[in-house]
Amino acid sequence: MSQEVSDAFIKQYESDVHVAYQRMGSKLRNTVRTKSNVHGSSTTFQKVGTGVAVQKARHAEISTMEVPHDPVEVVLQDWYAGDYIDKLDELKINIDERQVAADAGAYALGRKSDELITTALDTTTNVIAHGGTGLTQAKIETVFTWFGNNSIPDDGNRFAAISAAGWVDLLPITAFSSADFIGNDQLPYKGGMSAKRWMSFTWFEFSGLPGTPADRTQFFYHKSAVGFASGQDVKSEINYVPQRVAHLATSYMSQGAGLIDPIGVYEVHIVE
């Protein structure tokens, strides 16, 4: 085998990583406000306030709303995921080691993307303590009321990222699982799906929530409340390292996340 990896091999590896990242990498990225192809070490998301309508006398000037704009800076962070593929090991295994390395790198970076987002979500001050209980209907109603009272849009962009245990807590709630309340096509049991709409939120099970089984965090948020920036989406390369007689398969990215509007995020703690 040549000591140089062919261009075709590199291109195939890059393609494998990209597909794996899109397929099973980040689960939260598409649920938040996203800005791609950022140039520089940081970017700014604009938080726009609300305006108030006014009246005016005939022929008088209109008083402007003076809607406030509060810029929120998100700093990009560089992350890498790499592993060696020993040349002699490739002769002894019957699996595609390139694909294994590609999947591992993509999944690792996908989890990091989600971690950046959950870290941003976790900075909210709207918190319900676990109170020694799981995900109860009372907690959900508190969050639902908060979103309604604060005029957070019910436009299909409200999300609830909950743990598997939190999902199980909801199953005995008739309003969550019965077709009499939500319609047969949105039942949580249909087709083994783990995502559905209920009480204006899109609910989905997510394994990357912070905390421990004794105090697990669940996030309820509106898409516009969190910003995710990418200066470099996942990119990959393979290089031969003579000192190790192996190929170094590396994937890397530059991304960041930040809380734009604290009102649009609510954190609920549960005991699993």
C-alpha atoms as a PDB file:
ATOM      1  CA  MET A   1       0.000   0.000   0.000  1.00  0.00           C
ATOM      2  CA  SER A   2       1.268   3.465  -0.847  1.00  0.00           C
ATOM      3  CA  GLN A   3       2.158   5.766   2.015  1.00  0.00           C
ATOM      4  CA  GLU A   4      -0.132   8.400   0.526  1.00  0.00           C
ATOM      5  CA  VAL A   5      -3.898   8.111   0.747  1.00  0.00           C
ATOM      6  CA  SER A   6      -5.564   8.568  -2.627  1.00  0.00           C
ATOM      7  CA  ASP A   7      -7.710  11.619  -3.360  1.00  0.00           C
ATOM      8  CA  ALA A   8     -10.684   9.310  -3.892  1.00  0.00           C
ATOM      9  CA  PHE A   9     -10.205   7.801  -0.434  1.00  0.00           C
ATOM     10  CA  ILE A  10     -10.086  11.245   1.182  1.00  0.00           C
ATOM     11  CA  LYS A  11     -13.140  12.483  -0.684  1.00  0.00           C
ATOM     12  CA  GLN A  12     -15.093   9.372   0.240  1.00  0.00           C
ATOM     13  CA  TYR A  13     -14.139   9.794   3.895  1.00  0.00           C
ATOM     14  CA  GLU A  14     -15.205  13.441   3.868  1.00  0.00           C
ATOM     15  CA  SER A  15     -18.530  12.427   2.328  1.00  0.00           C
ATOM     16  CA  ASP A  16     -19.049   9.690   4.925  1.00  0.00           C
ATOM     17  CA  VAL A  17     -18.454  12.123   7.797  1.00  0.00           C
ATOM     18  CA  HIS A  18     -20.773  14.755   6.364  1.00  0.00           C
ATOM     19  CA  VAL A  19     -23.583  12.254   5.839  1.00  0.00           C
ATOM     20  CA  ALA A  20     -23.132  10.766   9.310  1.00  0.00           C
ATOM     21  CA  TYR A  21     -23.175  14.210  10.944  1.00  0.00           C
ATOM     22  CA  GLN A  22     -26.371  15.133   9.109  1.00  0.00           C
ATOM     23  CA  ARG A  23     -27.978  11.760   9.852  1.00  0.00           C
ATOM     24  CA  MET A  24     -27.189  11.215  13.525  1.00  0.00           C
ATOM     25  CA  GLY A  25     -24.928  14.045  14.634  1.00  0.00           C
ATOM     26  CA  SER A  26     -26.587  17.104  16.145  1.00  0.00           C
ATOM     27  CA  LYS A  27     -30.208  16.710  17.223  1.00  0.00           C
ATOM     28  CA  LEU A  28     -30.784  20.269  18.462  1.00  0.00           C
ATOM     29  CA  ARG A  29     -29.192  22.365  15.727  1.00  0.00           C
ATOM     30  CA  ASN A  30     -32.326  22.570  13.575  1.00  0.00           C
ATOM     31  CA  THR A  31     -34.462  23.564  16.559  1.00  0.00           C
ATOM     32  CA  VAL A  32     -32.644  26.838  17.244  1.00  0.00           C
ATOM     33  CA  ARG A  33     -31.829  30.031  15.363  1.00  0.00           C
ATOM     34  CA  THR A  34     -28.842  29.231  13.136  1.00  0.00           C
ATOM     35  CA  LYS A  35     -26.264  31.331  11.318  1.00  0.00           C
ATOM     36  CA  SER A  36     -23.809  29.559   8.991  1.00  0.00           C
ATOM     37  CA  ASN A  37     -20.611  30.572   7.177  1.00  0.00           C
ATOM     38  CA  VAL A  38     -19.587  33.014   9.891  1.00  0.00           C
ATOM     39  CA  HIS A  39     -16.336  34.859   9.196  1.00  0.00           C
ATOM     40  CA  GLY A  40     -14.301  35.825  12.231  1.00  0.00           C
ATOM     41  CA  SER A  41     -14.045  34.600  15.798  1.00  0.00           C
ATOM     42  CA  SER A  42     -17.579  35.625  16.776  1.00  0.00           C
ATOM     43  CA  THR A  43     -20.909  36.779  15.387  1.00  0.00           C
ATOM     44  CA  THR A  44     -23.853  38.818  16.635  1.00  0.00           C
ATOM     45  CA  PHE A  45     -27.506  37.886  16.908  1.00  0.00           C
ATOM     46  CA  GLN A  46     -29.996  40.721  17.250  1.00  0.00           C
ATOM     47  CA  LYS A  47     -32.578  40.566  20.014  1.00  0.00           C
ATOM     48  CA  VAL A  48     -35.482  42.765  18.922  1.00  0.00           C
ATOM     49  CA  GLY A  49     -37.903  44.146  21.501  1.00  0.00           C
ATOM     50  CA  THR A  50     -41.603  44.873  21.111  1.00  0.00           C
ATOM     51  CA  GLY A  51     -43.247  48.016  19.796  1.00  0.00           C
ATOM     52  CA  VAL A  52     -46.363  49.832  20.964  1.00  0.00           C
ATOM     53  CA  ALA A  53     -48.973  51.252  18.611  1.00  0.00           C
ATOM     54  CA  VAL A  54     -49.853  54.925  19.100  1.00  0.00           C
ATOM     55  CA  GLN A  55     -52.500  57.397  17.984  1.00  0.00           C
ATOM     56  CA  LYS A  56     -51.949  60.827  16.447  1.00  0.00           C
ATOM     57  CA  ALA A  57     -53.893  63.986  15.787  1.00  0.00           C
ATOM     58  CA  ARG A  58     -54.867  64.882  12.230  1.00  0.00           C
ATOM     59  CA  HIS A  59     -51.786  66.116  10.301  1.00  0.00           C
ATOM     60  CA  ALA A  60     -49.563  65.542  13.329  1.00  0.00           C
ATOM     61  CA  GLU A  61     -46.322  63.596  13.211  1.00  0.00           C
ATOM     62  CA  ILE A  62     -46.324  59.919  14.150  1.00  0.00           C
ATOM     63  CA  SER A  63     -44.371  59.011  17.269  1.00  0.00           C
ATOM     64  CA  THR A  64     -41.975  56.221  16.388  1.00  0.00           C
ATOM     65  CA  MET A  65     -41.990  52.991  18.375  1.00  0.00           C
ATOM     66  CA  GLU A  66     -38.233  53.055  19.067  1.00  0.00           C
ATOM     67  CA  VAL A  67     -38.107  49.265  19.151  1.00  0.00           C
ATOM     68  CA  PRO A  68     -35.014  48.258  21.155  1.00  0.00           C
ATOM     69  CA  HIS A  69     -32.274  46.165  19.533  1.00  0.00           C
ATOM     70  CA  ASP A  70     -29.965  44.319  21.914  1.00  0.00           C
ATOM     71  CA  PRO A  71     -27.041  42.565  20.163  1.00  0.00           C
ATOM     72  CA  VAL A  72     -25.972  39.207  21.613  1.00  0.00           C
ATOM     73  CA  GLU A  73     -22.447  38.059  20.752  1.00  0.00           C
ATOM     74  CA  VAL A  74     -21.731  34.370  20.198  1.00  0.00           C
ATOM     75  CA  VAL A  75     -18.065  33.319  20.245  1.00  0.00           C
ATOM     76  CA  LEU A  76     -16.986  30.452  18.013  1.00  0.00           C
ATOM     77  CA  GLN A  77     -15.070  27.528  19.492  1.00  0.00           C
ATOM     78  CA  ASP A  78     -12.826  25.101  17.614  1.00  0.00           C
ATOM     79  CA  TRP A  79     -13.365  21.380  18.155  1.00  0.00           C
ATOM     80  CA  TYR A  80     -11.576  18.305  16.783  1.00  0.00           C
ATOM     81  CA  ALA A  81     -12.281  14.580  16.667  1.00  0.00           C
ATOM     82  CA  GLY A  82      -9.536  12.298  15.385  1.00  0.00           C
ATOM     83  CA  ASP A  83      -8.341   8.721  15.495  1.00  0.00           C
ATOM     84  CA  TYR A  84      -5.593   6.576  13.999  1.00  0.00           C
ATOM     85  CA  ILE A  85      -6.190   3.748  11.547  1.00  0.00           C
ATOM     86  CA  ASP A  86      -3.212   1.389  11.712  1.00  0.00           C
ATOM     87  CA  LYS A  87      -2.202   0.057   8.300  1.00  0.00           C
ATOM     88  CA  LEU A  88      -1.648  -3.497   9.528  1.00  0.00           C
ATOM     89  CA  ASP A  89      -4.904  -3.487  11.503  1.00  0.00           C
ATOM     90  CA  GLU A  90      -6.747  -2.849   8.256  1.00  0.00           C
ATOM     91  CA  LEU A  91      -5.470  -6.189   6.994  1.00  0.00           C
ATOM     92  CA  LYS A  92      -6.853  -8.074   9.986  1.00  0.00           C
ATOM     93  CA  ILE A  93     -10.413  -6.796  10.160  1.00  0.00           C
ATOM     94  CA  ASN A  94     -13.436  -7.404   7.958  1.00  0.00           C
ATOM     95  CA  ILE A  95     -15.145  -4.065   8.552  1.00  0.00           C
ATOM     96  CA  ASP A  96     -14.730  -0.733   6.807  1.00  0.00           C
ATOM     97  CA  GLU A  97     -12.466   1.041   9.276  1.00  0.00           C
ATOM     98  CA  ARG A  98     -12.788   4.278   7.328  1.00  0.00           C
ATOM     99  CA  GLN A  99     -16.555   4.265   7.825  1.00  0.00           C
ATOM    100  CA  VAL A 100     -16.161   3.429  11.509  1.00  0.00           C
ATOM    101  CA  ALA A 101     -13.780   6.371  11.985  1.00  0.00           C
ATOM    102  CA  ALA A 102     -16.036   8.655   9.960  1.00  0.00           C
ATOM    103  CA  ASP A 103     -19.113   7.793  12.013  1.00  0.00           C
ATOM    104  CA  ALA A 104     -17.250   8.116  15.323  1.00  0.00           C
ATOM    105  CA  GLY A 105     -15.877  11.541  14.417  1.00  0.00           C
ATOM    106  CA  ALA A 106     -19.201  12.842  13.117  1.00  0.00           C
ATOM    107  CA  TYR A 107     -21.149  11.622  16.136  1.00  0.00           C
ATOM    108  CA  ALA A 108     -18.586  13.099  18.548  1.00  0.00           C
ATOM    109  CA  LEU A 109     -18.816  16.503  16.875  1.00  0.00           C
ATOM    110  CA  GLY A 110     -22.603  16.249  16.702  1.00  0.00           C
ATOM    111  CA  ARG A 111     -22.758  15.656  20.439  1.00  0.00           C
ATOM    112  CA  LYS A 112     -20.475  18.645  20.942  1.00  0.00           C
ATOM    113  CA  SER A 113     -22.787  20.831  18.824  1.00  0.00           C
ATOM    114  CA  ASP A 114     -25.685  19.794  21.050  1.00  0.00           C
ATOM    115  CA  GLU A 115     -23.617  20.389  24.179  1.00  0.00           C
ATOM    116  CA  LEU A 116     -22.906  23.956  23.060  1.00  0.00           C
ATOM    117  CA  ILE A 117     -26.654  24.510  22.659  1.00  0.00           C
ATOM    118  CA  THR A 118     -27.636  22.924  26.001  1.00  0.00           C
ATOM    119  CA  THR A 119     -24.948  24.983  27.747  1.00  0.00           C
ATOM    120  CA  ALA A 120     -26.547  28.116  26.298  1.00  0.00           C
ATOM    121  CA  LEU A 121     -30.038  26.938  27.288  1.00  0.00           C
ATOM    122  CA  ASP A 122     -28.803  26.209  30.801  1.00  0.00           C
ATOM    123  CA  THR A 123     -28.029  29.895  31.412  1.00  0.00           C
ATOM    124  CA  THR A 124     -31.732  30.759  31.708  1.00  0.00           C
ATOM    125  CA  THR A 125     -33.007  31.880  35.094  1.00  0.00           C
ATOM    126  CA  ASN A 126     -36.506  30.469  34.520  1.00  0.00           C
ATOM    127  CA  VAL A 127     -36.257  27.268  36.533  1.00  0.00           C
ATOM    128  CA  ILE A 128     -38.588  24.753  38.157  1.00  0.00           C
ATOM    129  CA  ALA A 129     -36.853  22.641  40.828  1.00  0.00           C
ATOM    130  CA  HIS A 130     -37.350  18.870  40.705  1.00  0.00           C
ATOM    131  CA  GLY A 131     -39.256  18.811  44.004  1.00  0.00           C
ATOM    132  CA  GLY A 132     -38.588  15.102  44.327  1.00  0.00           C
ATOM    133  CA  THR A 133     -40.839  14.281  41.357  1.00  0.00           C
ATOM    134  CA  GLY A 134     -40.590  13.435  37.687  1.00  0.00           C
ATOM    135  CA  LEU A 135     -42.061  15.378  34.775  1.00  0.00           C
ATOM    136  CA  THR A 136     -45.538  16.154  36.076  1.00  0.00           C
ATOM    137  CA  GLN A 137     -48.508  17.804  34.416  1.00  0.00           C
ATOM    138  CA  ALA A 138     -48.325  20.615  36.989  1.00  0.00           C
ATOM    139  CA  LYS A 139     -44.792  21.488  35.873  1.00  0.00           C
ATOM    140  CA  ILE A 140     -45.823  21.416  32.214  1.00  0.00           C
ATOM    141  CA  GLU A 141     -48.814  23.664  32.887  1.00  0.00           C
ATOM    142  CA  THR A 142     -46.531  26.169  34.636  1.00  0.00           C
ATOM    143  CA  VAL A 143     -44.295  26.328  31.569  1.00  0.00           C
ATOM    144  CA  PHE A 144     -47.247  26.535  29.175  1.00  0.00           C
ATOM    145  CA  THR A 145     -48.712  29.411  31.180  1.00  0.00           C
ATOM    146  CA  TRP A 146     -45.367  31.223  31.187  1.00  0.00           C
ATOM    147  CA  PHE A 147     -45.053  31.012  27.409  1.00  0.00           C
ATOM    148  CA  GLY A 148     -48.614  32.247  26.961  1.00  0.00           C
ATOM    149  CA  ASN A 149     -48.377  35.121  29.455  1.00  0.00           C
ATOM    150  CA  ASN A 150     -45.146  36.340  27.863  1.00  0.00           C
ATOM    151  CA  SER A 151     -46.584  36.281  24.325  1.00  0.00           C
ATOM    152  CA  ILE A 152     -43.997  33.790  23.085  1.00  0.00           C
ATOM    153  CA  PRO A 153     -45.237  32.867  19.584  1.00  0.00           C
ATOM    154  CA  ASP A 154     -47.191  29.656  19.198  1.00  0.00           C
ATOM    155  CA  ASP A 155     -45.978  29.271  15.617  1.00  0.00           C
ATOM    156  CA  GLY A 156     -44.758  25.685  15.536  1.00  0.00           C
ATOM    157  CA  ASN A 157     -41.326  26.658  16.855  1.00  0.00           C
ATOM    158  CA  ARG A 158     -41.785  25.800  20.521  1.00  0.00           C
ATOM    159  CA  PHE A 159     -39.711  22.770  21.500  1.00  0.00           C
ATOM    160  CA  ALA A 160     -39.495  20.481  24.533  1.00  0.00           C
ATOM    161  CA  ALA A 161     -36.296  18.425  24.811  1.00  0.00           C
ATOM    162  CA  ILE A 162     -36.890  15.780  27.466  1.00  0.00           C
ATOM    163  CA  SER A 163     -35.123  12.668  28.695  1.00  0.00           C
ATOM    164  CA  ALA A 164     -36.362   9.126  28.104  1.00  0.00           C
ATOM    165  CA  ALA A 165     -37.504   8.990  31.721  1.00  0.00           C
ATOM    166  CA  GLY A 166     -39.368  12.260  31.259  1.00  0.00           C
ATOM    167  CA  TRP A 167     -41.111  10.805  28.214  1.00  0.00           C
ATOM    168  CA  VAL A 168     -42.168   7.780  30.231  1.00  0.00           C
ATOM    169  CA  ASP A 169     -43.559  10.125  32.916  1.00  0.00           C
ATOM    170  CA  LEU A 170     -45.884  11.619  30.300  1.00  0.00           C
ATOM    171  CA  LEU A 171     -47.333   8.376  28.985  1.00  0.00           C
ATOM    172  CA  PRO A 172     -49.896   7.923  31.801  1.00  0.00           C
ATOM    173  CA  ILE A 173     -51.248  11.436  31.128  1.00  0.00           C
ATOM    174  CA  THR A 174     -54.382  10.843  29.059  1.00  0.00           C
ATOM    175  CA  ALA A 175     -54.193  14.258  27.404  1.00  0.00           C
ATOM    176  CA  PHE A 176     -50.713  13.357  26.127  1.00  0.00           C
ATOM    177  CA  SER A 177     -51.399   9.880  24.810  1.00  0.00           C
ATOM    178  CA  SER A 178     -55.107   9.727  23.926  1.00  0.00           C
ATOM    179  CA  ALA A 179     -56.373  10.299  20.392  1.00  0.00           C
ATOM    180  CA  ASP A 180     -59.399  11.997  21.962  1.00  0.00           C
ATOM    181  CA  PHE A 181     -57.155  14.947  22.788  1.00  0.00           C
ATOM    182  CA  ILE A 182     -54.456  15.134  20.110  1.00  0.00           C
ATOM    183  CA  GLY A 183     -55.552  13.095  17.106  1.00  0.00           C
ATOM    184  CA  ASN A 184     -54.563   9.634  15.997  1.00  0.00           C
ATOM    185  CA  ASP A 185     -51.759  10.798  13.695  1.00  0.00           C
ATOM    186  CA  GLN A 186     -49.916  12.448  16.590  1.00  0.00           C
ATOM    187  CA  LEU A 187     -49.995   9.592  19.097  1.00  0.00           C
ATOM    188  CA  PRO A 188     -46.599   8.959  20.703  1.00  0.00           C
ATOM    189  CA  TYR A 189     -46.939   5.213  20.114  1.00  0.00           C
ATOM    190  CA  LYS A 190     -47.494   5.371  16.363  1.00  0.00           C
ATOM    191  CA  GLY A 191     -44.656   3.754  14.443  1.00  0.00           C
ATOM    192  CA  GLY A 192     -42.389   3.795  17.478  1.00  0.00           C
ATOM    193  CA  MET A 193     -41.950   7.552  17.098  1.00  0.00           C
ATOM    194  CA  SER A 194     -40.360   9.504  19.935  1.00  0.00           C
ATOM    195  CA  ALA A 195     -41.503  12.969  18.807  1.00  0.00           C
ATOM    196  CA  LYS A 196     -44.953  14.560  18.774  1.00  0.00           C
ATOM    197  CA  ARG A 197     -46.856  17.828  19.225  1.00  0.00           C
ATOM    198  CA  TRP A 198     -48.806  18.574  22.387  1.00  0.00           C
ATOM    199  CA  MET A 199     -49.759  21.766  24.221  1.00  0.00           C
ATOM    200  CA  SER A 200     -48.138  23.900  21.491  1.00  0.00           C
ATOM    201  CA  PHE A 201     -44.708  22.214  21.908  1.00  0.00           C
ATOM    202  CA  THR A 202     -42.915  19.735  19.682  1.00  0.00           C
ATOM    203  CA  TRP A 203     -41.776  17.095  22.164  1.00  0.00           C
ATOM    204  CA  PHE A 204     -38.784  14.880  21.484  1.00  0.00           C
ATOM    205  CA  GLU A 205     -36.596  12.550  23.504  1.00  0.00           C
ATOM    206  CA  PHE A 206     -32.982  13.696  23.856  1.00  0.00           C
ATOM    207  CA  SER A 207     -30.185  11.810  25.611  1.00  0.00           C
ATOM    208  CA  GLY A 208     -27.767  14.741  25.971  1.00  0.00           C
ATOM    209  CA  LEU A 209     -29.534  16.644  28.738  1.00  0.00           C
ATOM    210  CA  PRO A 210     -27.313  17.842  31.624  1.00  0.00           C
ATOM    211  CA  GLY A 211     -27.590  16.604  35.189  1.00  0.00           C
ATOM    212  CA  THR A 212     -27.889  13.224  36.880  1.00  0.00           C
ATOM    213  CA  PRO A 213     -30.796  10.799  37.360  1.00  0.00           C
ATOM    214  CA  ALA A 214     -31.373  12.473  40.723  1.00  0.00           C
ATOM    215  CA  ASP A 215     -31.705  15.898  39.067  1.00  0.00           C
ATOM    216  CA  ARG A 216     -32.094  15.842  35.271  1.00  0.00           C
ATOM    217  CA  THR A 217     -32.709  19.074  33.334  1.00  0.00           C
ATOM    218  CA  GLN A 218     -35.462  19.293  30.696  1.00  0.00           C
ATOM    219  CA  PHE A 219     -35.582  22.255  28.314  1.00  0.00           C
ATOM    220  CA  PHE A 220     -38.593  24.104  26.920  1.00  0.00           C
ATOM    221  CA  TYR A 221     -37.727  26.845  24.446  1.00  0.00           C
ATOM    222  CA  HIS A 222     -38.680  28.837  21.387  1.00  0.00           C
ATOM    223  CA  LYS A 223     -36.437  28.570  18.339  1.00  0.00           C
ATOM    224  CA  SER A 224     -35.693  32.290  18.236  1.00  0.00           C
ATOM    225  CA  ALA A 225     -34.512  32.355  21.866  1.00  0.00           C
ATOM    226  CA  VAL A 226     -31.223  30.542  21.197  1.00  0.00           C
ATOM    227  CA  GLY A 227     -28.571  31.288  18.585  1.00  0.00           C
ATOM    228  CA  PHE A 228     -26.211  28.750  17.026  1.00  0.00           C
ATOM    229  CA  ALA A 229     -23.338  29.969  14.844  1.00  0.00           C
ATOM    230  CA  SER A 230     -21.043  27.962  12.576  1.00  0.00           C
ATOM    231  CA  GLY A 231     -17.874  29.352  11.073  1.00  0.00           C
ATOM    232  CA  GLN A 232     -16.810  25.954   9.799  1.00  0.00           C
ATOM    233  CA  ASP A 233     -19.226  23.067   9.459  1.00  0.00           C
ATOM    234  CA  VAL A 234     -17.831  19.601   9.939  1.00  0.00           C
ATOM    235  CA  LYS A 235     -14.836  19.022   7.675  1.00  0.00           C
ATOM    236  CA  SER A 236     -12.587  15.966   7.514  1.00  0.00           C
ATOM    237  CA  GLU A 237      -9.220  14.848   6.250  1.00  0.00           C
ATOM    238  CA  ILE A 238      -6.928  11.821   6.355  1.00  0.00           C
ATOM    239  CA  ASN A 239      -3.150  12.075   6.660  1.00  0.00           C
ATOM    240  CA  TYR A 240      -0.486   9.388   6.794  1.00  0.00           C
ATOM    241  CA  VAL A 241       1.771   9.559   9.866  1.00  0.00           C
ATOM    242  CA  PRO A 242       4.997   7.573   9.159  1.00  0.00           C
ATOM    243  CA  GLN A 243       6.070   7.539  12.819  1.00  0.00           C
ATOM    244  CA  ARG A 244       2.890   5.641  13.691  1.00  0.00           C
ATOM    245  CA  VAL A 245       2.578   3.675  10.446  1.00  0.00           C
ATOM    246  CA  ALA A 246      -1.051   4.706  10.448  1.00  0.00           C
ATOM    247  CA  HIS A 247      -3.482   7.121   8.891  1.00  0.00           C
ATOM    248  CA  LEU A 248      -4.806   9.907  11.114  1.00  0.00           C
ATOM    249  CA  ALA A 249      -8.497  10.486  10.353  1.00  0.00           C
ATOM    250  CA  THR A 250      -9.525  13.898  11.671  1.00  0.00           C
ATOM    251  CA  SER A 251     -12.798  15.822  11.661  1.00  0.00           C
ATOM    252  CA  TYR A 252     -13.135  19.371  12.927  1.00  0.00           C
ATOM    253  CA  MET A 253     -15.510  22.325  13.180  1.00  0.00           C
ATOM    254  CA  SER A 254     -15.801  25.866  14.564  1.00  0.00           C
ATOM    255  CA  GLN A 255     -19.140  26.601  16.243  1.00  0.00           C
ATOM    256  CA  GLY A 256     -20.735  28.423  19.134  1.00  0.00           C
ATOM    257  CA  ALA A 257     -24.102  29.025  20.801  1.00  0.00           C
ATOM    258  CA  GLY A 258     -25.650  31.650  23.023  1.00  0.00           C
ATOM    259  CA  LEU A 259     -28.881  32.595  24.768  1.00  0.00           C
ATOM    260  CA  ILE A 260     -30.565  35.433  22.857  1.00  0.00           C
ATOM    261  CA  ASP A 261     -33.825  35.890  24.744  1.00  0.00           C
ATOM    262  CA  PRO A 262     -34.032  34.428  28.286  1.00  0.00           C
ATOM    263  CA  ILE A 263     -37.817  34.804  28.336  1.00  0.00           C
ATOM    264  CA  GLY A 264     -38.125  32.162  25.624  1.00  0.00           C
ATOM    265  CA  VAL A 265     -36.406  29.384  27.606  1.00  0.00           C
ATOM    266  CA  TYR A 266     -37.702  27.478  30.618  1.00  0.00           C
ATOM    267  CA  GLU A 267     -35.711  24.843  32.506  1.00  0.00           C
ATOM    268  CA  VAL A 268     -37.543  22.068  34.339  1.00  0.00           C
ATOM    269  CA  HIS A 269     -35.752  19.659  36.682  1.00  0.00           C
ATOM    270  CA  ILE A 270     -36.987  16.151  37.372  1.00  0.00           C
ATOM    271  CA  VAL A 271     -36.045  13.021  39.278  1.00  0.00           C
ATOM    272  CA  GLU A 272     -35.703  10.113  36.874  1.00  0.00           C
END
